[in-house]
Amino acid sequence: MTVDEWRVEPGSDVLIRKVDGHLAALRAGLHGPELELAERLARCLREMVVATAQASAADRGQVRAAVHYFVLRRESRGRLLSVRSLAAAQRVANRVARQLGRPDLVVDVRPERPASDGVRDAVDAAAC
């Protein structure tokens, strides 16, 4: 989704562009569950940016910090730099979402499973 589609305040579009740019870079190197987590984190962060565009400076600052934590994720370069994982960015984003009173924006560990029919549910239950 582009910045124009969000209709946000001038300062917010920069944050959304940062999220979108970082997500584009992650798409080149991540696959499977890690990419899904990155996509969900990006969606959560975009929504928080939009939701706090007219909020207090403190709330906007928390969201900005979460965006920067996601975007400035350092990759491991030998023993000198620590690795900031997507899971760590997820914890930061979730903490901010809860502090903002937006539990609907919390990124779950596993994506929601689509509703399934009774046969699949019975098979899943039997497997446990």
Protein backbone atom coordinates (compact mmCIF):
# COMPACT_ATOMS: atom_id res chain seq x y z
CA MET A 1 0.00 0.00 0.00
CA THR A 2 1.40 3.40 -0.90
CA VAL A 3 1.54 6.48 1.26
CA ASP A 4 -1.06 8.22 -0.92
CA GLU A 5 -3.61 5.53 -0.13
CA TRP A 6 -3.32 6.16 3.62
CA ARG A 7 -4.23 9.89 3.61
CA VAL A 8 -2.01 10.73 6.55
CA GLU A 9 -0.44 13.80 8.09
CA PRO A 10 2.80 15.08 6.50
CA GLY A 11 5.05 13.73 9.29
CA SER A 12 3.39 10.33 9.21
CA ASP A 13 4.02 9.65 5.54
CA VAL A 14 7.76 9.56 6.22
CA LEU A 15 7.28 6.78 8.77
CA ILE A 16 5.05 4.80 6.44
CA ARG A 17 7.59 5.16 3.63
CA LYS A 18 10.30 3.87 5.98
CA VAL A 19 8.19 0.83 6.87
CA ASP A 20 7.35 0.16 3.21
CA GLY A 21 10.96 0.57 2.10
CA HIS A 22 12.27 -1.77 4.77
CA LEU A 23 9.59 -4.33 3.98
CA ALA A 24 10.56 -4.22 0.31
CA ALA A 25 14.17 -4.97 1.28
CA LEU A 26 13.06 -7.82 3.56
CA ARG A 27 10.98 -9.35 0.78
CA ALA A 28 14.17 -9.90 -1.18
CA GLY A 29 15.77 -11.97 1.56
CA LEU A 30 13.04 -13.52 3.67
CA HIS A 31 10.68 -16.37 2.90
CA GLY A 32 7.96 -18.35 4.64
CA PRO A 33 7.04 -17.56 8.25
CA GLU A 34 9.67 -14.82 8.62
CA LEU A 35 8.28 -12.93 5.63
CA GLU A 36 4.73 -13.39 6.93
CA LEU A 37 5.79 -11.93 10.29
CA ALA A 38 7.48 -8.99 8.57
CA GLU A 39 4.31 -8.33 6.53
CA ARG A 40 2.11 -8.44 9.64
CA LEU A 41 4.50 -6.16 11.54
CA ALA A 42 4.52 -3.66 8.69
CA ARG A 43 0.71 -3.67 8.55
CA CYS A 44 0.51 -3.14 12.32
CA LEU A 45 3.03 -0.30 12.25
CA ARG A 46 1.28 1.45 9.35
CA GLU A 47 -2.02 1.29 11.19
CA MET A 48 -0.44 2.66 14.38
CA VAL A 49 1.09 5.55 12.43
CA VAL A 50 -2.28 6.43 10.92
CA ALA A 51 -4.13 5.96 14.22
CA THR A 52 -1.79 8.30 16.10
CA ALA A 53 -1.47 11.02 13.45
CA GLN A 54 -3.66 13.32 15.56
CA ALA A 55 -2.68 11.86 18.95
CA SER A 56 -0.42 13.28 21.64
CA ALA A 57 3.27 13.77 21.04
CA ALA A 58 3.99 10.98 23.53
CA ASP A 59 1.86 8.48 21.61
CA ARG A 60 3.36 9.53 18.28
CA GLY A 61 6.82 9.18 19.80
CA GLN A 62 6.13 5.62 20.92
CA VAL A 63 4.97 4.69 17.43
CA ARG A 64 7.96 6.42 15.85
CA ALA A 65 10.27 4.44 18.16
CA ALA A 66 8.57 1.16 17.17
CA VAL A 67 8.92 2.03 13.48
CA HIS A 68 12.60 2.87 13.90
CA TYR A 69 13.18 -0.33 15.84
CA PHE A 70 11.70 -2.32 12.95
CA VAL A 71 13.44 -0.33 10.21
CA LEU A 72 16.85 -0.04 11.82
CA ARG A 73 17.05 -3.73 12.60
CA ARG A 74 20.72 -4.63 12.55
CA GLU A 75 21.86 -7.79 10.89
CA SER A 76 24.62 -9.86 12.38
CA ARG A 77 28.11 -8.91 11.21
CA GLY A 78 30.36 -11.26 13.05
CA ARG A 79 30.63 -10.94 16.81
CA LEU A 80 30.62 -7.16 16.95
CA LEU A 81 26.94 -6.43 16.40
CA SER A 82 24.01 -8.04 18.08
CA VAL A 83 21.17 -9.38 16.00
CA ARG A 84 17.87 -7.62 16.37
CA SER A 85 15.32 -10.16 15.26
CA LEU A 86 11.86 -9.70 13.84
CA ALA A 87 10.62 -11.26 17.07
CA ALA A 88 12.21 -8.40 19.02
CA ALA A 89 10.57 -5.85 16.71
CA GLN A 90 7.31 -7.73 17.22
CA ARG A 91 7.62 -7.42 21.01
CA VAL A 92 8.26 -3.67 20.72
CA ALA A 93 5.33 -3.12 18.34
CA ASN A 94 3.03 -5.21 20.53
CA ARG A 95 4.02 -3.29 23.65
CA VAL A 96 3.28 0.01 21.92
CA ALA A 97 -0.06 -1.28 20.59
CA ARG A 98 -1.09 -2.31 24.11
CA GLN A 99 0.05 1.01 25.60
CA LEU A 100 -2.04 2.82 23.01
CA GLY A 101 -5.06 0.75 24.00
CA ARG A 102 -5.15 -0.99 20.62
CA PRO A 103 -5.00 -4.73 21.34
CA ASP A 104 -6.46 -5.26 17.86
CA LEU A 105 -3.07 -4.24 16.44
CA VAL A 106 -1.08 -6.81 18.42
CA VAL A 107 0.80 -9.11 16.06
CA ASP A 108 0.25 -12.72 17.11
CA VAL A 109 3.02 -15.28 17.07
CA ARG A 110 1.13 -17.32 14.50
CA PRO A 111 -1.13 -15.86 11.83
CA GLU A 112 -4.82 -16.49 12.25
CA ARG A 113 -5.94 -19.71 10.63
CA PRO A 114 -8.81 -19.40 8.21
CA ALA A 115 -12.07 -20.98 9.29
CA SER A 116 -12.12 -24.62 8.35
CA ASP A 117 -14.79 -27.23 7.98
CA GLY A 118 -15.66 -29.80 10.64
CA VAL A 119 -13.63 -32.57 8.99
CA ARG A 120 -10.39 -30.62 9.25
CA ASP A 121 -11.17 -29.69 12.85
CA ALA A 122 -11.71 -33.35 13.70
CA VAL A 123 -8.43 -34.31 12.02
CA ASP A 124 -6.58 -31.56 13.87
CA ALA A 125 -8.11 -32.63 17.19
CA ALA A 126 -7.19 -36.27 16.57
CA ALA A 127 -3.60 -35.31 15.79
CA CYS A 128 -3.18 -33.69 19.22
